[in-house]
PDB file of N, CA and C in Angstrom:
ATOM      1  N   MET A   1       0.500  -9.818  -7.239  1.00  0.00           N
ATOM      2  CA  MET A   1       1.456  -8.732  -7.252  1.00  0.00           C
ATOM      3  C   MET A   1       2.851  -9.312  -7.111  1.00  0.00           C
ATOM      4  N   THR A   2       3.732  -8.915  -7.995  1.00  0.00           N
ATOM      5  CA  THR A   2       5.110  -9.385  -7.961  1.00  0.00           C
ATOM      6  C   THR A   2       5.894  -8.606  -6.902  1.00  0.00           C
ATOM      7  N   PRO A   3       6.585  -9.315  -6.017  1.00  0.00           N
ATOM      8  CA  PRO A   3       7.384  -8.617  -5.001  1.00  0.00           C
ATOM      9  C   PRO A   3       8.517  -7.818  -5.638  1.00  0.00           C
ATOM     10  N   PRO A   4       8.929  -6.730  -5.018  1.00  0.00           N
ATOM     11  CA  PRO A   4      10.039  -5.946  -5.553  1.00  0.00           C
ATOM     12  C   PRO A   4      11.318  -6.774  -5.604  1.00  0.00           C
ATOM     13  N   SER A   5      12.145  -6.501  -6.602  1.00  0.00           N
ATOM     14  CA  SER A   5      13.391  -7.250  -6.744  1.00  0.00           C
ATOM     15  C   SER A   5      14.626  -6.375  -6.531  1.00  0.00           C
ATOM     16  N   SER A   6      14.412  -5.135  -6.112  1.00  0.00           N
ATOM     17  CA  SER A   6      15.534  -4.237  -5.830  1.00  0.00           C
ATOM     18  C   SER A   6      15.085  -3.178  -4.829  1.00  0.00           C
ATOM     19  N   LYS A   7      16.045  -2.468  -4.296  1.00  0.00           N
ATOM     20  CA  LYS A   7      15.733  -1.403  -3.338  1.00  0.00           C
ATOM     21  C   LYS A   7      14.931  -0.282  -4.011  1.00  0.00           C
ATOM     22  N   ASP A   8      15.252   0.032  -5.261  1.00  0.00           N
ATOM     23  CA  ASP A   8      14.496   1.062  -5.986  1.00  0.00           C
ATOM     24  C   ASP A   8      13.043   0.636  -6.192  1.00  0.00           C
ATOM     25  N   GLU A   9      12.830  -0.622  -6.555  1.00  0.00           N
ATOM     26  CA  GLU A   9      11.459  -1.125  -6.716  1.00  0.00           C
ATOM     27  C   GLU A   9      10.731  -1.130  -5.376  1.00  0.00           C
ATOM     28  N   LEU A  10      11.433  -1.476  -4.307  1.00  0.00           N
ATOM     29  CA  LEU A  10      10.828  -1.467  -2.975  1.00  0.00           C
ATOM     30  C   LEU A  10      10.388  -0.052  -2.608  1.00  0.00           C
ATOM     31  N   ARG A  11      11.223   0.931  -2.843  1.00  0.00           N
ATOM     32  CA  ARG A  11      10.893   2.326  -2.524  1.00  0.00           C
ATOM     33  C   ARG A  11       9.618   2.752  -3.256  1.00  0.00           C
ATOM     34  N   SER A  12       9.555   2.462  -4.541  1.00  0.00           N
ATOM     35  CA  SER A  12       8.391   2.830  -5.342  1.00  0.00           C
ATOM     36  C   SER A  12       7.135   2.098  -4.853  1.00  0.00           C
ATOM     37  N   ALA A  13       7.261   0.796  -4.628  1.00  0.00           N
ATOM     38  CA  ALA A  13       6.117  -0.002  -4.197  1.00  0.00           C
ATOM     39  C   ALA A  13       5.644   0.402  -2.806  1.00  0.00           C
ATOM     40  N   TYR A  14       6.577   0.666  -1.898  1.00  0.00           N
ATOM     41  CA  TYR A  14       6.202   1.025  -0.520  1.00  0.00           C
ATOM     42  C   TYR A  14       5.357   2.296  -0.509  1.00  0.00           C
ATOM     43  N   HIS A  15       5.718   3.260  -1.317  1.00  0.00           N
ATOM     44  CA  HIS A  15       4.931   4.495  -1.369  1.00  0.00           C
ATOM     45  C   HIS A  15       3.519   4.214  -1.874  1.00  0.00           C
ATOM     46  N   GLY A  16       3.373   3.301  -2.812  1.00  0.00           N
ATOM     47  CA  GLY A  16       2.039   2.916  -3.279  1.00  0.00           C
ATOM     48  C   GLY A  16       1.242   2.196  -2.201  1.00  0.00           C
ATOM     49  N   TRP A  17       1.886   1.251  -1.525  1.00  0.00           N
ATOM     50  CA  TRP A  17       1.189   0.496  -0.480  1.00  0.00           C
ATOM     51  C   TRP A  17       0.813   1.377   0.699  1.00  0.00           C
ATOM     52  N   SER A  18       1.597   2.407   0.960  1.00  0.00           N
ATOM     53  CA  SER A  18       1.335   3.225   2.144  1.00  0.00           C
ATOM     54  C   SER A  18      -0.010   3.948   2.060  1.00  0.00           C
ATOM     55  N   TRP A  19      -0.570   4.067   0.863  1.00  0.00           N
ATOM     56  CA  TRP A  19      -1.910   4.662   0.751  1.00  0.00           C
ATOM     57  C   TRP A  19      -2.918   3.818   1.539  1.00  0.00           C
ATOM     58  N   TYR A  20      -2.706   2.520   1.594  1.00  0.00           N
ATOM     59  CA  TYR A  20      -3.645   1.614   2.259  1.00  0.00           C
ATOM     60  C   TYR A  20      -3.474   1.572   3.779  1.00  0.00           C
ATOM     61  N   ARG A  21      -2.566   2.343   4.333  1.00  0.00           N
ATOM     62  CA  ARG A  21      -2.309   2.303   5.785  1.00  0.00           C
ATOM     63  C   ARG A  21      -3.570   2.549   6.594  1.00  0.00           C
ATOM     64  N   ARG A  22      -4.508   3.326   6.060  1.00  0.00           N
ATOM     65  CA  ARG A  22      -5.747   3.594   6.805  1.00  0.00           C
ATOM     66  C   ARG A  22      -6.650   2.368   6.898  1.00  0.00           C
ATOM     67  N   PHE A  23      -6.413   1.372   6.050  1.00  0.00           N
ATOM     68  CA  PHE A  23      -7.224   0.153   6.065  1.00  0.00           C
ATOM     69  C   PHE A  23      -6.545  -1.006   6.796  1.00  0.00           C
ATOM     70  N   VAL A  24      -5.256  -0.877   7.085  1.00  0.00           N
ATOM     71  CA  VAL A  24      -4.490  -1.972   7.689  1.00  0.00           C
ATOM     72  C   VAL A  24      -4.022  -1.572   9.084  1.00  0.00           C
ATOM     73  N   PRO A  25      -4.579  -2.211  10.120  1.00  0.00           N
ATOM     74  CA  PRO A  25      -4.148  -1.895  11.479  1.00  0.00           C
ATOM     75  C   PRO A  25      -2.648  -2.162  11.656  1.00  0.00           C
ATOM     76  N   ASN A  26      -1.983  -1.288  12.387  1.00  0.00           N
ATOM     77  CA  ASN A  26      -0.551  -1.430  12.688  1.00  0.00           C
ATOM     78  C   ASN A  26       0.308  -1.486  11.428  1.00  0.00           C
ATOM     79  N   PHE A  27      -0.079  -0.725  10.419  1.00  0.00           N
ATOM     80  CA  PHE A  27       0.659  -0.745   9.141  1.00  0.00           C
ATOM     81  C   PHE A  27       2.145  -0.478   9.358  1.00  0.00           C
ATOM     82  N   SER A  28       2.450   0.515  10.166  1.00  0.00           N
ATOM     83  CA  SER A  28       3.849   0.887  10.373  1.00  0.00           C
ATOM     84  C   SER A  28       4.645  -0.266  10.982  1.00  0.00           C
ATOM     85  N   ALA A  29       4.084  -0.900  12.000  1.00  0.00           N
ATOM     86  CA  ALA A  29       4.776  -2.022  12.647  1.00  0.00           C
ATOM     87  C   ALA A  29       4.885  -3.220  11.700  1.00  0.00           C
ATOM     88  N   ARG A  30       3.873  -3.415  10.866  1.00  0.00           N
ATOM     89  CA  ARG A  30       3.853  -4.567   9.976  1.00  0.00           C
ATOM     90  C   ARG A  30       4.747  -4.385   8.754  1.00  0.00           C
ATOM     91  N   THR A  31       5.232  -3.169   8.533  1.00  0.00           N
ATOM     92  CA  THR A  31       6.134  -2.910   7.409  1.00  0.00           C
ATOM     93  C   THR A  31       7.496  -2.424   7.906  1.00  0.00           C
ATOM     94  N   ARG A  32       7.812  -2.757   9.132  1.00  0.00           N
ATOM     95  CA  ARG A  32       9.065  -2.295   9.742  1.00  0.00           C
ATOM     96  C   ARG A  32      10.299  -2.751   8.953  1.00  0.00           C
ATOM     97  N   GLU A  33      10.294  -3.973   8.471  1.00  0.00           N
ATOM     98  CA  GLU A  33      11.445  -4.479   7.712  1.00  0.00           C
ATOM     99  C   GLU A  33      11.597  -3.720   6.390  1.00  0.00           C
ATOM    100  N   MET A  34      10.486  -3.445   5.728  1.00  0.00           N
ATOM    101  CA  MET A  34      10.556  -2.663   4.488  1.00  0.00           C
ATOM    102  C   MET A  34      11.149  -1.281   4.777  1.00  0.00           C
ATOM    103  N   GLN A  35      10.677  -0.657   5.839  1.00  0.00           N
ATOM    104  CA  GLN A  35      11.175   0.671   6.201  1.00  0.00           C
ATOM    105  C   GLN A  35      12.670   0.623   6.526  1.00  0.00           C
ATOM    106  N   ARG A  36      13.086  -0.424   7.245  1.00  0.00           N
ATOM    107  CA  ARG A  36      14.498  -0.568   7.588  1.00  0.00           C
ATOM    108  C   ARG A  36      15.347  -0.699   6.328  1.00  0.00           C
ATOM    109  N   GLN A  37      14.865  -1.491   5.381  1.00  0.00           N
ATOM    110  CA  GLN A  37      15.626  -1.710   4.150  1.00  0.00           C
ATOM    111  C   GLN A  37      15.691  -0.460   3.271  1.00  0.00           C
ATOM    112  N   LEU A  38      14.773   0.461   3.464  1.00  0.00           N
ATOM    113  CA  LEU A  38      14.803   1.708   2.704  1.00  0.00           C
ATOM    114  C   LEU A  38      15.779   2.719   3.299  1.00  0.00           C
ATOM    115  N   GLY A  39      16.295   2.424   4.481  1.00  0.00           N
ATOM    116  CA  GLY A  39      17.248   3.319   5.137  1.00  0.00           C
ATOM    117  C   GLY A  39      18.591   3.354   4.422  1.00  0.00           C
ATOM    118  N   LYS A  40      19.325   4.401   4.697  1.00  0.00           N
ATOM    119  CA  LYS A  40      20.634   4.590   4.072  1.00  0.00           C
ATOM    120  C   LYS A  40      21.580   3.451   4.455  1.00  0.00           C
ATOM    121  N   GLY A  41      22.217   2.856   3.466  1.00  0.00           N
ATOM    122  CA  GLY A  41      23.197   1.804   3.688  1.00  0.00           C
ATOM    123  C   GLY A  41      22.613   0.423   3.957  1.00  0.00           C
ATOM    124  N   ALA A  42      21.278   0.307   4.005  1.00  0.00           N
ATOM    125  CA  ALA A  42      20.659  -0.998   4.272  1.00  0.00           C
ATOM    126  C   ALA A  42      20.751  -1.893   3.043  1.00  0.00           C
ATOM    127  N   ARG A  43      20.888  -3.188   3.290  1.00  0.00           N
ATOM    128  CA  ARG A  43      20.962  -4.183   2.223  1.00  0.00           C
ATOM    129  C   ARG A  43      19.553  -4.676   1.885  1.00  0.00           C
ATOM    130  N   PHE A  44      19.263  -4.876   0.601  1.00  0.00           N
ATOM    131  CA  PHE A  44      17.952  -5.360   0.171  1.00  0.00           C
ATOM    132  C   PHE A  44      17.850  -6.864   0.382  1.00  0.00           C
ATOM    133  N   ASP A  45      16.776  -7.307   1.026  1.00  0.00           N
ATOM    134  CA  ASP A  45      16.525  -8.723   1.276  1.00  0.00           C
ATOM    135  C   ASP A  45      15.110  -9.046   0.795  1.00  0.00           C
ATOM    136  N   ALA A  46      15.010  -9.608  -0.413  1.00  0.00           N
ATOM    137  CA  ALA A  46      13.711  -9.871  -1.037  1.00  0.00           C
ATOM    138  C   ALA A  46      12.832 -10.796  -0.205  1.00  0.00           C
ATOM    139  N   ALA A  47      13.410 -11.790   0.428  1.00  0.00           N
ATOM    140  CA  ALA A  47      12.620 -12.752   1.210  1.00  0.00           C
ATOM    141  C   ALA A  47      11.912 -12.074   2.382  1.00  0.00           C
ATOM    142  N   ALA A  48      12.612 -11.193   3.081  1.00  0.00           N
ATOM    143  CA  ALA A  48      12.007 -10.497   4.224  1.00  0.00           C
ATOM    144  C   ALA A  48      10.898  -9.555   3.763  1.00  0.00           C
ATOM    145  N   VAL A  49      11.103  -8.900   2.638  1.00  0.00           N
ATOM    146  CA  VAL A  49      10.077  -8.007   2.088  1.00  0.00           C
ATOM    147  C   VAL A  49       8.846  -8.814   1.684  1.00  0.00           C
ATOM    148  N   GLU A  50       9.065  -9.969   1.079  1.00  0.00           N
ATOM    149  CA  GLU A  50       7.940 -10.785   0.626  1.00  0.00           C
ATOM    150  C   GLU A  50       7.063 -11.243   1.788  1.00  0.00           C
ATOM    151  N   VAL A  51       7.646 -11.532   2.931  1.00  0.00           N
ATOM    152  CA  VAL A  51       6.859 -11.939   4.113  1.00  0.00           C
ATOM    153  C   VAL A  51       5.911 -10.817   4.503  1.00  0.00           C
ATOM    154  N   GLU A  52       6.417  -9.591   4.573  1.00  0.00           N
ATOM    155  CA  GLU A  52       5.560  -8.463   4.957  1.00  0.00           C
ATOM    156  C   GLU A  52       4.531  -8.158   3.873  1.00  0.00           C
ATOM    157  N   LEU A  53       4.919  -8.267   2.623  1.00  0.00           N
ATOM    158  CA  LEU A  53       3.990  -8.021   1.531  1.00  0.00           C
ATOM    159  C   LEU A  53       2.830  -9.007   1.555  1.00  0.00           C
ATOM    160  N   ARG A  54       3.124 -10.276   1.760  1.00  0.00           N
ATOM    161  CA  ARG A  54       2.060 -11.292   1.814  1.00  0.00           C
ATOM    162  C   ARG A  54       1.108 -11.027   2.989  1.00  0.00           C
ATOM    163  N   ASP A  55       1.656 -10.577   4.115  1.00  0.00           N
ATOM    164  CA  ASP A  55       0.825 -10.234   5.270  1.00  0.00           C
ATOM    165  C   ASP A  55      -0.133  -9.086   4.922  1.00  0.00           C
ATOM    166  N   LEU A  56       0.377  -8.046   4.248  1.00  0.00           N
ATOM    167  CA  LEU A  56      -0.476  -6.921   3.863  1.00  0.00           C
ATOM    168  C   LEU A  56      -1.551  -7.353   2.870  1.00  0.00           C
ATOM    169  N   GLN A  57      -1.161  -8.155   1.890  1.00  0.00           N
ATOM    170  CA  GLN A  57      -2.119  -8.616   0.889  1.00  0.00           C
ATOM    171  C   GLN A  57      -3.223  -9.450   1.547  1.00  0.00           C
ATOM    172  N   TRP A  58      -2.838 -10.328   2.456  1.00  0.00           N
ATOM    173  CA  TRP A  58      -3.833 -11.159   3.149  1.00  0.00           C
ATOM    174  C   TRP A  58      -4.805 -10.276   3.924  1.00  0.00           C
ATOM    175  N   ASP A  59      -4.289  -9.295   4.625  1.00  0.00           N
ATOM    176  CA  ASP A  59      -5.136  -8.426   5.434  1.00  0.00           C
ATOM    177  C   ASP A  59      -6.108  -7.630   4.565  1.00  0.00           C
ATOM    178  N   LEU A  60      -5.630  -7.085   3.463  1.00  0.00           N
ATOM    179  CA  LEU A  60      -6.508  -6.319   2.573  1.00  0.00           C
ATOM    180  C   LEU A  60      -7.577  -7.195   1.940  1.00  0.00           C
ATOM    181  N   ARG A  61      -7.252  -8.424   1.638  1.00  0.00           N
ATOM    182  CA  ARG A  61      -8.240  -9.331   1.028  1.00  0.00           C
ATOM    183  C   ARG A  61      -9.353  -9.704   1.997  1.00  0.00           C
ATOM    184  N   ARG A  62      -9.036  -9.824   3.269  1.00  0.00           N
ATOM    185  CA  ARG A  62     -10.057 -10.254   4.229  1.00  0.00           C
ATOM    186  C   ARG A  62     -10.931  -9.106   4.709  1.00  0.00           C
ATOM    187  N   ARG A  63     -10.521  -7.892   4.506  1.00  0.00           N
ATOM    188  CA  ARG A  63     -11.325  -6.729   4.908  1.00  0.00           C
ATOM    189  C   ARG A  63     -12.234  -6.304   3.762  1.00  0.00           C
ATOM    190  N   ARG A  64     -13.271  -5.626   4.117  1.00  0.00           N
ATOM    191  CA  ARG A  64     -14.186  -5.115   3.092  1.00  0.00           C
ATOM    192  C   ARG A  64     -13.702  -3.736   2.657  1.00  0.00           C
ATOM    193  N   THR A  65     -12.782  -3.705   1.721  1.00  0.00           N
ATOM    194  CA  THR A  65     -12.228  -2.436   1.265  1.00  0.00           C
ATOM    195  C   THR A  65     -12.880  -1.965  -0.028  1.00  0.00           C
ATOM    196  N   LEU A  66     -13.632  -2.834  -0.668  1.00  0.00           N
ATOM    197  CA  LEU A  66     -14.300  -2.463  -1.908  1.00  0.00           C
ATOM    198  C   LEU A  66     -15.806  -2.405  -1.692  1.00  0.00           C
ATOM    199  N   ALA A  67     -16.435  -1.396  -2.249  1.00  0.00           N
ATOM    200  CA  ALA A  67     -17.884  -1.252  -2.128  1.00  0.00           C
ATOM    201  C   ALA A  67     -18.393  -0.497  -3.348  1.00  0.00           C
ATOM    202  N   THR A  68     -19.678  -0.570  -3.570  1.00  0.00           N
ATOM    203  CA  THR A  68     -20.301   0.158  -4.667  1.00  0.00           C
ATOM    204  C   THR A  68     -20.290   1.653  -4.357  1.00  0.00           C
ATOM    205  N   ALA A  69     -19.973   2.464  -5.337  1.00  0.00           N
ATOM    206  CA  ALA A  69     -19.952   3.917  -5.150  1.00  0.00           C
ATOM    207  C   ALA A  69     -21.359   4.446  -4.894  1.00  0.00           C
ATOM    208  N   LEU A  70     -21.437   5.437  -4.024  1.00  0.00           N
ATOM    209  CA  LEU A  70     -22.713   6.098  -3.738  1.00  0.00           C
ATOM    210  C   LEU A  70     -22.847   7.289  -4.676  1.00  0.00           C
ATOM    211  N   THR A  71     -23.930   7.331  -5.425  1.00  0.00           N
ATOM    212  CA  THR A  71     -24.093   8.360  -6.451  1.00  0.00           C
ATOM    213  C   THR A  71     -24.360   9.747  -5.888  1.00  0.00           C
ATOM    214  N   ASP A  72     -24.724   9.847  -4.620  1.00  0.00           N
ATOM    215  CA  ASP A  72     -25.010  11.157  -4.033  1.00  0.00           C
ATOM    216  C   ASP A  72     -23.776  11.803  -3.385  1.00  0.00           C
ATOM    217  N   ARG A  73     -22.617  11.157  -3.481  1.00  0.00           N
ATOM    218  CA  ARG A  73     -21.373  11.698  -2.911  1.00  0.00           C
ATOM    219  C   ARG A  73     -20.320  11.825  -4.002  1.00  0.00           C
ATOM    220  N   PRO A  74     -19.417  12.815  -3.853  1.00  0.00           N
ATOM    221  CA  PRO A  74     -18.362  12.957  -4.855  1.00  0.00           C
ATOM    222  C   PRO A  74     -17.371  11.800  -4.814  1.00  0.00           C
ATOM    223  N   LEU A  75     -16.776  11.521  -5.958  1.00  0.00           N
ATOM    224  CA  LEU A  75     -15.727  10.514  -6.078  1.00  0.00           C
ATOM    225  C   LEU A  75     -14.382  11.224  -6.169  1.00  0.00           C
ATOM    226  N   TYR A  76     -13.346  10.615  -5.578  1.00  0.00           N
ATOM    227  CA  TYR A  76     -11.994  11.171  -5.614  1.00  0.00           C
ATOM    228  C   TYR A  76     -11.053  10.119  -6.198  1.00  0.00           C
ATOM    229  N   ILE A  77     -10.029  10.577  -6.882  1.00  0.00           N
ATOM    230  CA  ILE A  77      -9.030   9.688  -7.460  1.00  0.00           C
ATOM    231  C   ILE A  77      -7.661  10.084  -6.922  1.00  0.00           C
ATOM    232  N   SER A  78      -6.924   9.087  -6.444  1.00  0.00           N
ATOM    233  CA  SER A  78      -5.547   9.281  -6.010  1.00  0.00           C
ATOM    234  C   SER A  78      -4.662   8.486  -6.967  1.00  0.00           C
ATOM    235  N   THR A  79      -3.665   9.140  -7.537  1.00  0.00           N
ATOM    236  CA  THR A  79      -2.805   8.471  -8.511  1.00  0.00           C
ATOM    237  C   THR A  79      -1.336   8.586  -8.133  1.00  0.00           C
ATOM    238  N   ASP A  80      -0.556   7.688  -8.667  1.00  0.00           N
ATOM    239  CA  ASP A  80       0.888   7.714  -8.486  1.00  0.00           C
ATOM    240  C   ASP A  80       1.510   6.993  -9.680  1.00  0.00           C
ATOM    241  N   ALA A  81       2.668   7.453 -10.095  1.00  0.00           N
ATOM    242  CA  ALA A  81       3.335   6.821 -11.237  1.00  0.00           C
ATOM    243  C   ALA A  81       4.839   6.807 -11.014  1.00  0.00           C
ATOM    244  N   SER A  82       5.480   5.837 -11.607  1.00  0.00           N
ATOM    245  CA  SER A  82       6.934   5.729 -11.561  1.00  0.00           C
ATOM    246  C   SER A  82       7.388   5.073 -12.855  1.00  0.00           C
ATOM    247  N   LYS A  83       8.678   4.810 -12.966  1.00  0.00           N
ATOM    248  CA  LYS A  83       9.193   4.129 -14.152  1.00  0.00           C
ATOM    249  C   LYS A  83       8.687   2.692 -14.232  1.00  0.00           C
ATOM    250  N   GLN A  84       8.333   2.109 -13.065  1.00  0.00           N
ATOM    251  CA  GLN A  84       7.896   0.711 -13.036  1.00  0.00           C
ATOM    252  C   GLN A  84       6.404   0.552 -13.292  1.00  0.00           C
ATOM    253  N   GLY A  85       5.595   1.582 -13.051  1.00  0.00           N
ATOM    254  CA  GLY A  85       4.165   1.405 -13.246  1.00  0.00           C
ATOM    255  C   GLY A  85       3.362   2.611 -12.825  1.00  0.00           C
ATOM    256  N   ILE A  86       2.042   2.437 -12.881  1.00  0.00           N
ATOM    257  CA  ILE A  86       1.117   3.487 -12.493  1.00  0.00           C
ATOM    258  C   ILE A  86       0.035   2.864 -11.615  1.00  0.00           C
ATOM    259  N   ALA A  87      -0.440   3.628 -10.640  1.00  0.00           N
ATOM    260  CA  ALA A  87      -1.482   3.131  -9.738  1.00  0.00           C
ATOM    261  C   ALA A  87      -2.552   4.191  -9.585  1.00  0.00           C
ATOM    262  N   CYS A  88      -3.775   3.745  -9.321  1.00  0.00           N
ATOM    263  CA  CYS A  88      -4.891   4.658  -9.149  1.00  0.00           C
ATOM    264  C   CYS A  88      -5.866   4.049  -8.150  1.00  0.00           C
ATOM    265  N   VAL A  89      -6.401   4.880  -7.259  1.00  0.00           N
ATOM    266  CA  VAL A  89      -7.397   4.432  -6.298  1.00  0.00           C
ATOM    267  C   VAL A  89      -8.585   5.383  -6.380  1.00  0.00           C
ATOM    268  N   LEU A  90      -9.770   4.836  -6.524  1.00  0.00           N
ATOM    269  CA  LEU A  90     -11.006   5.610  -6.552  1.00  0.00           C
ATOM    270  C   LEU A  90     -11.668   5.452  -5.189  1.00  0.00           C
ATOM    271  N   TYR A  91     -12.044   6.569  -4.548  1.00  0.00           N
ATOM    272  CA  TYR A  91     -12.623   6.465  -3.207  1.00  0.00           C
ATOM    273  C   TYR A  91     -13.644   7.569  -2.952  1.00  0.00           C
ATOM    274  N   GLN A  92     -14.423   7.386  -1.860  1.00  0.00           N
ATOM    275  CA  GLN A  92     -15.380   8.371  -1.380  1.00  0.00           C
ATOM    276  C   GLN A  92     -15.216   8.520   0.128  1.00  0.00           C
ATOM    277  N   TRP A  93     -15.528   9.700   0.635  1.00  0.00           N
ATOM    278  CA  TRP A  93     -15.504   9.914   2.089  1.00  0.00           C
ATOM    279  C   TRP A  93     -16.866   9.555   2.656  1.00  0.00           C
ATOM    280  N   ASN A  94     -16.875   8.886   3.809  1.00  0.00           N
ATOM    281  CA  ASN A  94     -18.121   8.580   4.507  1.00  0.00           C
ATOM    282  C   ASN A  94     -18.572   9.800   5.298  1.00  0.00           C
ATOM    283  N   GLU A  95     -19.790   9.768   5.789  1.00  0.00           N
ATOM    284  CA  GLU A  95     -20.306  10.891   6.566  1.00  0.00           C
ATOM    285  C   GLU A  95     -19.498  11.153   7.835  1.00  0.00           C
ATOM    286  N   ASP A  96     -18.890  10.109   8.399  1.00  0.00           N
ATOM    287  CA  ASP A  96     -18.109  10.276   9.614  1.00  0.00           C
ATOM    288  C   ASP A  96     -16.668  10.729   9.334  1.00  0.00           C
ATOM    289  N   GLY A  97     -16.343  10.992   8.072  1.00  0.00           N
ATOM    290  CA  GLY A  97     -15.004  11.464   7.717  1.00  0.00           C
ATOM    291  C   GLY A  97     -14.027  10.367   7.363  1.00  0.00           C
ATOM    292  N   SER A  98     -14.433   9.110   7.465  1.00  0.00           N
ATOM    293  CA  SER A  98     -13.551   8.006   7.095  1.00  0.00           C
ATOM    294  C   SER A  98     -13.687   7.710   5.605  1.00  0.00           C
ATOM    295  N   VAL A  99     -12.696   6.996   5.087  1.00  0.00           N
ATOM    296  CA  VAL A  99     -12.725   6.623   3.667  1.00  0.00           C
ATOM    297  C   VAL A  99     -13.470   5.329   3.517  1.00  0.00           C
TER     298      VAL A  99
END
């Protein structure tokens, strides 16, 4: 994944990544710099964003976030689109209410 190169790209990407907050412990704390840079008047710093992005990517890779779909449960699709791209996530709810 290419890191954002502008504040507009960061805004779009952050909204996409925030879908994964349920899979990443302390997501809010781990993306504090991204959130700060999205604030009014904040300056964009690609290097600081890349550090947090790499941390999120590492965490998602080490967790078991992908599994075979269960045919006896409904499938759901979450989508998002912007001028820079389109994203889609296919998921199912577990019996305990978790994704």
